[in-house]
Every structure is written in C-alpha cells, then in structure tokens.
Amino acid sequence: MPRFPSLRVFAANTSLVMVSAAVALGIGEGVVRRVAPRHRPLSVALRGLYVPDSALGYVTTSRFQRRVRGRGFISDVRTNALGLRDDALGPHTPDTLRILGLGDSFVFGIHAGPRERCFIEQLEAGLDRDLALHPSPSGARAAQVVNAGVDGYGTVQEIGRLERLGPEVAPDGVLLAFYLGNDFTDNSGATRMTVVDGYQMLEASAAPFRAHFRPLHRRFRLWLHAHSELYLLLKERLLHPVRARVEGEPQMAEPKSFDYYVYDAGYAHALQSTPTPAVEAGIAATRAALARMRRWCDGHGASALIVALPTEQQVNPAARAAWIARFGLHEADLDFERPARVLAELAQNAGIPCFDLAAAFRERIAAGDTLFLPGDNHWNATGHALAARAVQDAVRRELVDRSPAALIGSR
C-alpha cells in the first residue's frame, strides 16, 4: 500500500517538471525571437509556401502567411486565394488597366523587404500616378500590376502559370521578367526545382535529401531547425564551440569541381561563344515558351513585354572581377553581353518587345549606389526601386498605350 502514494507523488513531480520545462522552453523561444531572431535559408524559412504540382513542378499555396528574416531584409510573405503575393483580385473594371507580372524571385520580391518596396508594387504605384495625370487612350486612369512571380521558376513554368491563371486574371498586358543569370539554365532543366516535405530544392538534391533525413532523429532535428529559433541559437553558441574543441580544427574539404556550383557553371556556359548542349536546350525551350506567350496574348487580346534582368556581374565591374577570380575563370573567354543578345533575338522572333535594365543599373552603380544584397545576386530595396522607375516608361509604351483596349479606344 505505501508504494501507491509514492508513485502518485513521483508522477505528479514528473508532470510538474515536464510542464515547467515546457514553459521555460516556450519563454526562451519567445525571448530569442524577440531579442535575437535567427536567420534561416529561405528554403527553410518559407517551408510550406510551395506545394507539388504535376504540370509546373510546384506552385505557391493559397493564404500563406509568415514573416521572413534574411540578411539585410525582413519581409512579411502573404498569398491570396490564388496563391499570388498580392491582394485579393476584385472585378476588372474598365477604368483600370490590369497587367500580369511573371517571373521568379525578383518578381516575388521577398528580398526588397516590405511588400510595398518590391519592384512590382512600385511599378504599379508609378503607373497609377502616371495614369491619374495622363489616362490611357482607352480612358484607364489606374493600373493594377498583379504579382504572379514564383521563386525558382524558369520561363517555361512562368508561361504555364500564365496559361493557368490568365483566364481568371484576364490581363490587358503581360510582363515577363527574364533573369539573365539562370533562366536559360532553368529552362534547360539543369536547375529545375521541386518540393520535398514542404522544402523547395533542386530536383537533383531531392533523392539525397530523402535518404539523409529518413531516420527519425534527423527528421526531429530538421523540424527543430525549421520551427525553433532557440534551437538555432543553442546550436550556434553551444554545440558548435563544443564540437570544435572536441574535434579540433575542421579538416579541409576536398575541393569541389566548378560544375558543383550549378548556377555559376550554367551562367558561365551561357557566356561562352560556343554553347554547350545544355545551353542550346535552354535556348530552344525559351524560344518555345516565348512562342506560347505570344499565342496566348494574341488569343486573349493582351499586349506583351519582356524585361531583361541583368546579373550583378554584368553591371558591376568589381563583382565581375570577384566572380571571375573566385572560380579561376578567364575573362577573355566570357562575353557578358551574350545572354542579353540571345534573349533580344528570341524576343524579336516571337514578336515581343524586350527592355533591358542593364544600362540603368550600370549608371547607378557607377554613381556609387548599392543595388544588390551583399553576397547575393538579388536586388536590395534600392535595386527594386530603380527597376520600377527604369521599366515604367517601357511598360507605359508597350503595355498601356498599345494594349488592345487602348488601341480600340483611340480609334
């Protein structure tokens, strides 16, 4: 008989300890998130934003909401019922000209910080001000630029997104942002992305990821890495220093081949005068995608515009020199203007006007502006603002004043 009270006391004390530990961990988690928030890779920070899709590989899910902290930016990411990083779409009224913006992470715009600083949002605001003073020939006095960008997409997927969303969005114009750094590579399939357990990653990494995280203890650590900032802090401040003392100086890893860096290698191949089979495949896929874009726009009464987004290496001599030195390349073998020329020729053949942002970016960088995030090819908020200003006249000329509705209204 005396044992039962002791067991009850033991159980009660154990429960109290567990509850106290849970409360302490919860308080610690809250303090870390408020005082010393950690930075996660976007693939981890945005887990759950992407869901698999049989046709496009993956799409953004609807009504997603999360705050993301990166190095140099904080961004609140929200999607509407269509999975777009935009407000809910209301009726398309005759006095508003609607443009559908397609592209990858530059269009999605997380790296700009708050949504209103993103390229698409600032373009919409600029066009709104312009149309309020100078209505389009059709009488439109406002503009709506719908953000249909998806991080990691190539042109083939973007046109697939146009064909899927277009009938519901019913745009007067379509703006396609083409990133010269990797869209040819994306279109070749070499850097095609997929989603595994909610994480966005290269298709080539999917099988090794599944194998590595099959054991339960690794899956639990992966869950902590995605959900607990306290875990990240303890890992950084306690586990790593202890491991360094126990294991000593880390062993030098075997040097990786250039092809391991798939984006850099793909970009370098696109700069060479003799295209590799992968580059040729990317160009052919881009040609076919632009032809689909032209057919869709013609069939739905929409105008079209391509905007060429330059890499930092194209517009910043210091970044170019650092990139060449990092990989031991030879500048004489590389033509940094070639991707833009190839895209311009493809656009011309498809009958779609193409506007290149490179000149505007070179001018501002030469004047001392910083337009890219440190160690990242993405624009900072200043770069997004410049892109919106630089492309506004081209959008007005090609998508507003030449839209089918505008041309009908001018007759």
Protein backbone atom coordinates (compact mmCIF):
# COMPACT_ATOMS: atom_id res chain seq x y z
CA MET A 1 0.00 0.00 0.00
CA PRO A 2 2.69 2.60 0.84
CA ARG A 3 4.04 2.34 -2.72
CA PHE A 4 0.97 3.81 -4.42
CA PRO A 5 1.17 7.27 -2.82
CA SER A 6 4.86 7.33 -3.71
CA LEU A 7 4.07 6.51 -7.34
CA ARG A 8 1.42 9.21 -7.40
CA VAL A 9 3.86 11.71 -5.94
CA PHE A 10 6.52 10.66 -8.44
CA ALA A 11 4.07 11.01 -11.32
CA ALA A 12 2.94 14.41 -10.06
CA ASN A 13 6.53 15.64 -9.66
CA THR A 14 7.47 14.32 -13.10
CA SER A 15 4.49 16.09 -14.66
CA LEU A 16 5.41 19.30 -12.85
CA VAL A 17 8.99 19.10 -14.11
CA MET A 18 7.81 18.46 -17.67
CA VAL A 19 5.33 21.34 -17.58
CA SER A 20 7.96 23.65 -16.07
CA ALA A 21 10.46 22.65 -18.74
CA ALA A 22 7.89 23.25 -21.47
CA VAL A 23 7.02 26.68 -20.04
CA ALA A 24 10.72 27.57 -19.75
CA LEU A 25 11.38 26.47 -23.32
CA GLY A 26 8.37 28.45 -24.52
CA ILE A 27 9.56 31.57 -22.71
CA GLY A 28 13.09 31.05 -24.04
CA GLU A 29 11.75 30.65 -27.58
CA GLY A 30 9.76 33.87 -27.25
CA VAL A 31 12.73 35.81 -25.87
CA VAL A 32 15.07 34.64 -28.66
CA ARG A 33 12.53 35.50 -31.35
CA ARG A 34 12.12 38.99 -29.93
CA VAL A 35 15.69 39.82 -28.87
CA ALA A 36 17.97 37.77 -31.13
CA PRO A 37 16.00 36.38 -34.11
CA ARG A 38 17.97 33.92 -36.22
CA HIS A 39 18.39 33.91 -39.98
CA ARG A 40 17.38 30.78 -41.86
CA PRO A 41 17.84 29.93 -45.53
CA LEU A 42 14.71 30.93 -47.44
CA SER A 43 14.05 27.29 -48.32
CA VAL A 44 13.67 26.65 -44.59
CA ALA A 45 12.02 29.94 -43.62
CA LEU A 46 9.36 29.50 -46.32
CA ARG A 47 8.65 25.83 -45.71
CA GLY A 48 5.05 25.17 -46.69
CA LEU A 49 4.77 28.05 -49.16
CA TYR A 50 5.21 25.66 -52.08
CA VAL A 51 3.16 22.56 -52.89
CA PRO A 52 3.87 19.99 -55.63
CA ASP A 53 2.12 20.41 -58.96
CA SER A 54 2.13 17.78 -61.69
CA ALA A 55 2.39 20.27 -64.57
CA LEU A 56 4.53 23.10 -63.16
CA GLY A 57 6.61 21.16 -60.63
CA TYR A 58 5.24 23.23 -57.75
CA VAL A 59 3.06 26.26 -57.10
CA THR A 60 2.61 28.71 -54.25
CA THR A 61 -0.14 27.74 -51.85
CA SER A 62 -3.09 29.99 -51.07
CA ARG A 63 -3.45 32.12 -47.93
CA PHE A 64 0.12 31.51 -46.72
CA GLN A 65 1.38 33.96 -44.08
CA ARG A 66 4.80 34.21 -42.45
CA ARG A 67 7.43 36.79 -41.53
CA VAL A 68 10.85 36.06 -43.03
CA ARG A 69 14.17 37.46 -41.83
CA GLY A 70 17.07 37.39 -44.23
CA ARG A 71 20.46 39.03 -44.20
CA GLY A 72 19.61 42.63 -44.96
CA PHE A 73 15.81 42.40 -45.11
CA ILE A 74 12.64 41.47 -43.22
CA SER A 75 9.61 40.54 -45.30
CA ASP A 76 6.03 39.58 -44.49
CA VAL A 77 5.00 36.95 -47.01
CA ARG A 78 1.28 36.56 -47.64
CA THR A 79 -0.55 34.97 -50.55
CA ASN A 80 -4.14 35.42 -51.65
CA ALA A 81 -6.74 32.81 -52.61
CA LEU A 82 -4.96 32.24 -55.95
CA GLY A 83 -1.57 31.74 -54.28
CA LEU A 84 -0.33 35.13 -55.52
CA ARG A 85 1.70 37.52 -53.41
CA ASP A 86 -0.90 40.20 -53.94
CA ASP A 87 -4.22 41.49 -52.66
CA ALA A 88 -7.42 39.66 -53.48
CA LEU A 89 -8.40 40.28 -57.09
CA GLY A 90 -11.65 42.16 -57.49
CA PRO A 91 -13.63 42.71 -60.67
CA HIS A 92 -11.64 44.00 -63.62
CA THR A 93 -13.18 47.45 -64.15
CA PRO A 94 -12.84 49.37 -67.45
CA ASP A 95 -11.10 52.34 -65.81
CA THR A 96 -8.23 50.12 -64.52
CA LEU A 97 -5.62 48.57 -66.78
CA ARG A 98 -4.54 45.18 -65.41
CA ILE A 99 -1.04 43.78 -66.05
CA LEU A 100 0.06 40.28 -65.06
CA GLY A 101 3.68 40.18 -63.84
CA LEU A 102 5.52 36.89 -64.37
CA GLY A 103 8.98 35.98 -63.14
CA ASP A 104 11.00 34.32 -60.40
CA SER A 105 12.27 35.60 -57.04
CA PHE A 106 12.93 39.09 -58.44
CA VAL A 107 9.21 39.46 -59.14
CA PHE A 108 8.05 37.67 -55.99
CA GLY A 109 10.14 40.31 -54.25
CA ILE A 110 10.98 38.99 -50.77
CA HIS A 111 14.50 40.48 -50.85
CA ALA A 112 13.11 44.02 -51.08
CA GLY A 113 11.71 43.75 -47.54
CA PRO A 114 8.15 45.06 -47.09
CA ARG A 115 5.87 44.22 -50.00
CA GLU A 116 5.35 47.85 -50.96
CA ARG A 117 9.08 48.12 -51.75
CA CYS A 118 9.03 45.27 -54.24
CA PHE A 119 9.56 46.00 -57.94
CA ILE A 120 6.03 45.02 -58.97
CA GLU A 121 4.35 47.09 -56.24
CA GLN A 122 6.44 50.18 -57.01
CA LEU A 123 5.77 49.78 -60.73
CA GLU A 124 2.04 49.69 -60.00
CA ALA A 125 2.29 52.82 -57.84
CA GLY A 126 4.25 54.67 -60.54
CA LEU A 127 1.81 53.71 -63.29
CA ASP A 128 -1.10 54.73 -61.06
CA ARG A 129 0.35 58.21 -60.62
CA ASP A 130 1.09 58.47 -64.34
CA LEU A 131 -2.39 57.36 -65.44
CA ALA A 132 -4.08 59.69 -62.97
CA LEU A 133 -2.39 62.60 -64.80
CA HIS A 134 -2.35 61.09 -68.30
CA PRO A 135 -5.10 58.49 -68.87
CA SER A 136 -4.52 55.82 -71.48
CA PRO A 137 -6.17 56.11 -74.91
CA SER A 138 -8.87 53.74 -73.65
CA GLY A 139 -9.58 56.03 -70.70
CA ALA A 140 -7.89 53.92 -68.00
CA ARG A 141 -6.96 56.12 -65.03
CA ALA A 142 -5.41 53.45 -62.80
CA ALA A 143 -3.15 50.43 -63.12
CA GLN A 144 -3.10 47.09 -61.36
CA VAL A 145 0.09 45.03 -61.68
CA VAL A 146 -0.65 41.52 -60.41
CA ASN A 147 2.32 39.73 -58.85
CA ALA A 148 2.41 36.16 -60.21
CA GLY A 149 6.12 35.64 -59.54
CA VAL A 150 7.33 32.33 -58.07
CA ASP A 151 10.78 31.85 -56.58
CA GLY A 152 12.83 29.38 -58.62
CA TYR A 153 10.64 29.37 -61.72
CA GLY A 154 12.00 29.41 -65.25
CA THR A 155 10.28 30.83 -68.31
CA VAL A 156 8.63 27.52 -69.23
CA GLN A 157 6.90 27.36 -65.83
CA GLU A 158 6.03 31.06 -65.95
CA ILE A 159 4.22 30.67 -69.26
CA GLY A 160 2.46 27.63 -67.84
CA ARG A 161 1.35 29.85 -64.97
CA LEU A 162 0.10 32.44 -67.48
CA GLU A 163 -1.95 29.80 -69.29
CA ARG A 164 -3.44 28.62 -65.99
CA LEU A 165 -4.12 31.96 -64.30
CA GLY A 166 -4.67 34.10 -67.36
CA PRO A 167 -8.35 33.34 -67.97
CA GLU A 168 -9.22 34.22 -64.36
CA VAL A 169 -6.96 37.28 -64.09
CA ALA A 170 -7.91 38.49 -67.61
CA PRO A 171 -4.91 40.85 -68.02
CA ASP A 172 -4.71 43.65 -70.57
CA GLY A 173 -0.95 43.17 -70.66
CA VAL A 174 1.64 40.56 -69.64
CA LEU A 175 5.08 41.50 -68.30
CA LEU A 176 7.65 38.68 -68.27
CA ALA A 177 10.81 39.31 -66.20
CA PHE A 178 13.70 37.19 -67.53
CA TYR A 179 16.74 36.83 -65.26
CA LEU A 180 19.84 36.52 -67.43
CA GLY A 181 21.76 34.77 -64.66
CA ASN A 182 19.91 31.47 -64.67
CA ASP A 183 16.68 31.47 -66.68
CA PHE A 184 18.33 29.79 -69.66
CA THR A 185 19.70 27.17 -67.24
CA ASP A 186 16.29 26.79 -65.59
CA ASN A 187 14.66 26.31 -68.97
CA SER A 188 17.15 23.58 -69.88
CA GLY A 189 16.07 21.63 -66.79
CA ALA A 190 19.56 21.66 -65.25
CA THR A 191 18.42 23.77 -62.29
CA ARG A 192 14.76 22.76 -62.18
CA MET A 193 13.36 22.97 -58.65
CA THR A 194 11.00 20.69 -56.79
CA VAL A 195 9.36 20.45 -53.36
CA VAL A 196 10.06 17.71 -50.79
CA ASP A 197 8.31 17.74 -47.40
CA GLY A 198 7.43 21.38 -47.99
CA TYR A 199 11.02 22.38 -48.75
CA GLN A 200 11.97 23.88 -52.12
CA MET A 201 15.17 22.40 -53.56
CA LEU A 202 16.90 21.35 -56.75
CA GLU A 203 15.46 18.18 -58.26
CA ALA A 204 18.98 16.73 -58.20
CA SER A 205 19.04 17.14 -54.40
CA ALA A 206 15.68 15.51 -53.73
CA ALA A 207 16.80 11.85 -53.55
CA PRO A 208 19.85 12.52 -51.30
CA PHE A 209 17.65 14.70 -49.04
CA ARG A 210 15.07 11.94 -48.61
CA ALA A 211 17.77 9.37 -47.85
CA HIS A 212 19.63 11.55 -45.34
CA PHE A 213 16.54 12.56 -43.37
CA ARG A 214 14.83 9.17 -43.32
CA PRO A 215 15.95 8.36 -39.71
CA LEU A 216 13.55 9.69 -37.06
CA HIS A 217 16.21 11.58 -35.05
CA ARG A 218 17.31 13.52 -38.13
CA ARG A 219 13.73 14.34 -39.02
CA PHE A 220 13.23 15.69 -35.49
CA ARG A 221 16.34 17.88 -35.79
CA LEU A 222 15.09 19.09 -39.16
CA TRP A 223 11.77 20.02 -37.54
CA LEU A 224 13.58 21.94 -34.78
CA HIS A 225 15.70 23.72 -37.38
CA ALA A 226 12.55 24.87 -39.17
CA HIS A 227 10.47 25.84 -36.14
CA SER A 228 12.70 26.75 -33.17
CA GLU A 229 14.91 29.82 -33.06
CA LEU A 230 16.02 28.82 -29.54
CA TYR A 231 17.38 25.59 -31.02
CA LEU A 232 19.30 27.54 -33.67
CA LEU A 233 20.80 29.84 -31.02
CA LEU A 234 21.86 26.96 -28.74
CA LYS A 235 23.29 25.08 -31.71
CA GLU A 236 25.32 28.11 -32.78
CA ARG A 237 26.51 29.22 -29.32
CA LEU A 238 26.92 25.88 -27.52
CA LEU A 239 27.03 22.87 -29.82
CA HIS A 240 29.35 24.28 -32.47
CA PRO A 241 32.01 25.58 -29.99
CA VAL A 242 31.93 22.27 -28.05
CA ARG A 243 32.26 20.26 -31.24
CA ALA A 244 35.19 22.46 -32.33
CA ARG A 245 37.02 21.84 -29.03
CA VAL A 246 36.40 18.09 -29.18
CA GLU A 247 37.14 17.56 -32.85
CA GLY A 248 39.85 20.19 -33.22
CA GLU A 249 40.37 22.20 -36.36
CA PRO A 250 37.98 21.19 -39.13
CA GLN A 251 39.51 19.13 -41.89
CA MET A 252 39.83 20.82 -45.25
CA ALA A 253 37.13 19.53 -47.54
CA GLU A 254 38.00 18.19 -50.93
CA PRO A 255 37.79 21.00 -53.48
CA LYS A 256 34.58 20.84 -55.48
CA SER A 257 34.51 20.96 -59.24
CA PHE A 258 33.11 24.05 -60.93
CA ASP A 259 30.09 22.07 -62.14
CA TYR A 260 29.11 21.52 -58.48
CA TYR A 261 28.09 25.20 -58.43
CA VAL A 262 25.26 24.59 -60.88
CA TYR A 263 24.05 28.18 -61.17
CA ASP A 264 27.51 29.70 -61.60
CA ALA A 265 28.59 26.99 -64.01
CA GLY A 266 25.39 27.33 -66.02
CA TYR A 267 25.85 31.09 -66.20
CA ALA A 268 29.48 30.75 -67.30
CA HIS A 269 28.45 28.31 -70.05
CA ALA A 270 25.84 30.84 -71.26
CA LEU A 271 28.61 33.45 -71.58
CA GLN A 272 30.76 31.34 -73.90
CA SER A 273 30.72 31.82 -77.65
CA THR A 274 30.25 28.09 -78.29
CA PRO A 275 27.08 26.96 -76.50
CA THR A 276 27.06 23.70 -74.59
CA PRO A 277 24.24 21.18 -75.24
CA ALA A 278 22.57 22.35 -72.02
CA VAL A 279 22.67 26.00 -73.12
CA GLU A 280 21.29 25.04 -76.54
CA ALA A 281 18.49 23.12 -74.83
CA GLY A 282 17.73 26.14 -72.64
CA ILE A 283 17.61 28.47 -75.63
CA ALA A 284 15.31 26.11 -77.54
CA ALA A 285 12.98 25.79 -74.54
CA THR A 286 12.95 29.58 -74.13
CA ARG A 287 12.10 30.04 -77.81
CA ALA A 288 9.16 27.66 -77.49
CA ALA A 289 7.94 29.32 -74.27
CA LEU A 290 8.00 32.80 -75.81
CA ALA A 291 6.04 31.50 -78.81
CA ARG A 292 3.41 30.17 -76.36
CA MET A 293 3.35 33.55 -74.63
CA ARG A 294 2.78 35.33 -77.94
CA ARG A 295 -0.02 32.93 -78.90
CA TRP A 296 -1.74 33.30 -75.54
CA CYS A 297 -1.59 37.09 -75.63
CA ASP A 298 -2.87 37.20 -79.21
CA GLY A 299 -5.67 34.82 -78.36
CA HIS A 300 -6.78 36.78 -75.29
CA GLY A 301 -6.34 40.33 -76.52
CA ALA A 302 -3.36 41.16 -74.29
CA SER A 303 -0.16 43.06 -75.10
CA ALA A 304 3.23 41.64 -74.05
CA LEU A 305 6.62 42.85 -72.82
CA ILE A 306 9.81 41.09 -71.74
CA VAL A 307 12.12 42.78 -69.23
CA ALA A 308 15.73 41.51 -69.15
CA LEU A 309 17.10 41.47 -65.61
CA PRO A 310 20.92 41.75 -65.56
CA THR A 311 23.24 39.91 -63.22
CA GLU A 312 25.46 41.88 -60.87
CA GLN A 313 28.47 40.62 -62.84
CA GLN A 314 27.11 42.33 -65.95
CA VAL A 315 26.67 45.76 -64.38
CA ASN A 316 29.25 45.93 -61.57
CA PRO A 317 32.95 45.61 -62.60
CA ALA A 318 34.03 44.80 -59.03
CA ALA A 319 31.50 41.98 -58.72
CA ARG A 320 32.55 40.65 -62.12
CA ALA A 321 36.23 40.61 -61.17
CA ALA A 322 35.49 38.89 -57.84
CA TRP A 323 33.36 36.21 -59.52
CA ILE A 324 35.98 35.51 -62.18
CA ALA A 325 38.72 35.26 -59.53
CA ARG A 326 36.65 33.01 -57.25
CA PHE A 327 36.25 30.32 -59.89
CA GLY A 328 39.55 30.82 -61.71
CA LEU A 329 37.87 31.80 -64.98
CA HIS A 330 39.35 33.76 -67.86
CA GLU A 331 37.51 36.94 -68.79
CA ALA A 332 38.68 36.69 -72.40
CA ASP A 333 36.60 33.50 -72.74
CA LEU A 334 33.41 35.15 -71.48
CA ASP A 335 31.01 37.51 -73.23
CA PHE A 336 28.85 39.08 -70.54
CA GLU A 337 26.54 40.67 -73.10
CA ARG A 338 25.76 37.41 -74.88
CA PRO A 339 22.72 36.32 -72.78
CA ALA A 340 21.04 39.68 -73.37
CA ARG A 341 21.68 39.48 -77.13
CA VAL A 342 20.30 35.94 -77.30
CA LEU A 343 17.18 36.94 -75.37
CA ALA A 344 16.64 40.03 -77.53
CA GLU A 345 16.84 37.90 -80.69
CA LEU A 346 14.40 35.34 -79.28
CA ALA A 347 12.01 38.11 -78.26
CA GLN A 348 12.20 39.73 -81.68
CA ASN A 349 11.49 36.41 -83.40
CA ALA A 350 8.47 35.95 -81.14
CA GLY A 351 7.24 39.45 -81.91
CA ILE A 352 7.52 40.60 -78.28
CA PRO A 353 9.28 43.86 -77.33
CA CYS A 354 12.19 43.46 -74.91
CA PHE A 355 13.54 46.08 -72.49
CA ASP A 356 16.97 45.61 -70.85
CA LEU A 357 17.57 47.09 -67.38
CA ALA A 358 21.38 46.82 -67.65
CA ALA A 359 22.07 50.42 -68.74
CA ALA A 360 20.09 51.91 -65.85
CA PHE A 361 21.82 49.63 -63.33
CA ARG A 362 25.31 50.36 -64.69
CA GLU A 363 24.70 54.09 -64.45
CA ARG A 364 23.59 54.00 -60.82
CA ILE A 365 26.37 51.61 -59.75
CA ALA A 366 28.93 53.88 -61.43
CA ALA A 367 27.43 56.75 -59.41
CA GLY A 368 28.06 54.82 -56.18
CA ASP A 369 24.66 53.23 -55.49
CA THR A 370 24.46 49.76 -53.93
CA LEU A 371 21.71 47.83 -55.71
CA PHE A 372 22.37 44.21 -54.71
CA LEU A 373 22.40 42.43 -51.36
CA PRO A 374 25.89 41.53 -50.06
CA GLY A 375 26.93 38.11 -51.32
CA ASP A 376 23.61 37.70 -53.10
CA ASN A 377 22.64 38.31 -56.72
CA HIS A 378 19.23 39.63 -55.67
CA TRP A 379 18.39 43.33 -55.61
CA ASN A 380 18.07 45.19 -52.34
CA ALA A 381 15.23 47.70 -51.81
CA THR A 382 17.17 50.37 -53.76
CA GLY A 383 17.56 47.97 -56.70
CA HIS A 384 13.85 47.20 -56.70
CA ALA A 385 13.02 50.92 -56.72
CA LEU A 386 15.42 51.58 -59.61
CA ALA A 387 13.99 48.67 -61.64
CA ALA A 388 10.46 50.01 -61.21
CA ARG A 389 11.45 53.52 -62.30
CA ALA A 390 13.56 52.31 -65.22
CA VAL A 391 10.93 50.00 -66.69
CA GLN A 392 7.90 52.26 -66.18
CA ASP A 393 8.21 54.11 -69.50
CA ALA A 394 8.58 50.85 -71.42
CA VAL A 395 5.54 49.41 -69.67
CA ARG A 396 3.54 52.55 -70.43
CA ARG A 397 4.63 52.43 -74.07
CA GLU A 398 4.20 48.68 -74.71
CA LEU A 399 1.52 47.52 -72.27
CA VAL A 400 -0.62 50.59 -71.60
CA ASP A 401 -0.73 52.72 -74.73
CA ARG A 402 -0.50 49.70 -77.05
CA SER A 403 -2.88 47.41 -75.19
CA PRO A 404 -5.78 46.17 -77.34
CA ALA A 405 -8.24 48.09 -75.16
CA ALA A 406 -6.18 51.25 -75.54
CA LEU A 407 -5.89 50.87 -79.30
CA ILE A 408 -9.63 50.30 -79.67
CA GLY A 409 -10.31 53.36 -77.52
CA SER A 410 -8.03 55.51 -79.67
CA ARG A 411 -9.89 54.74 -82.91
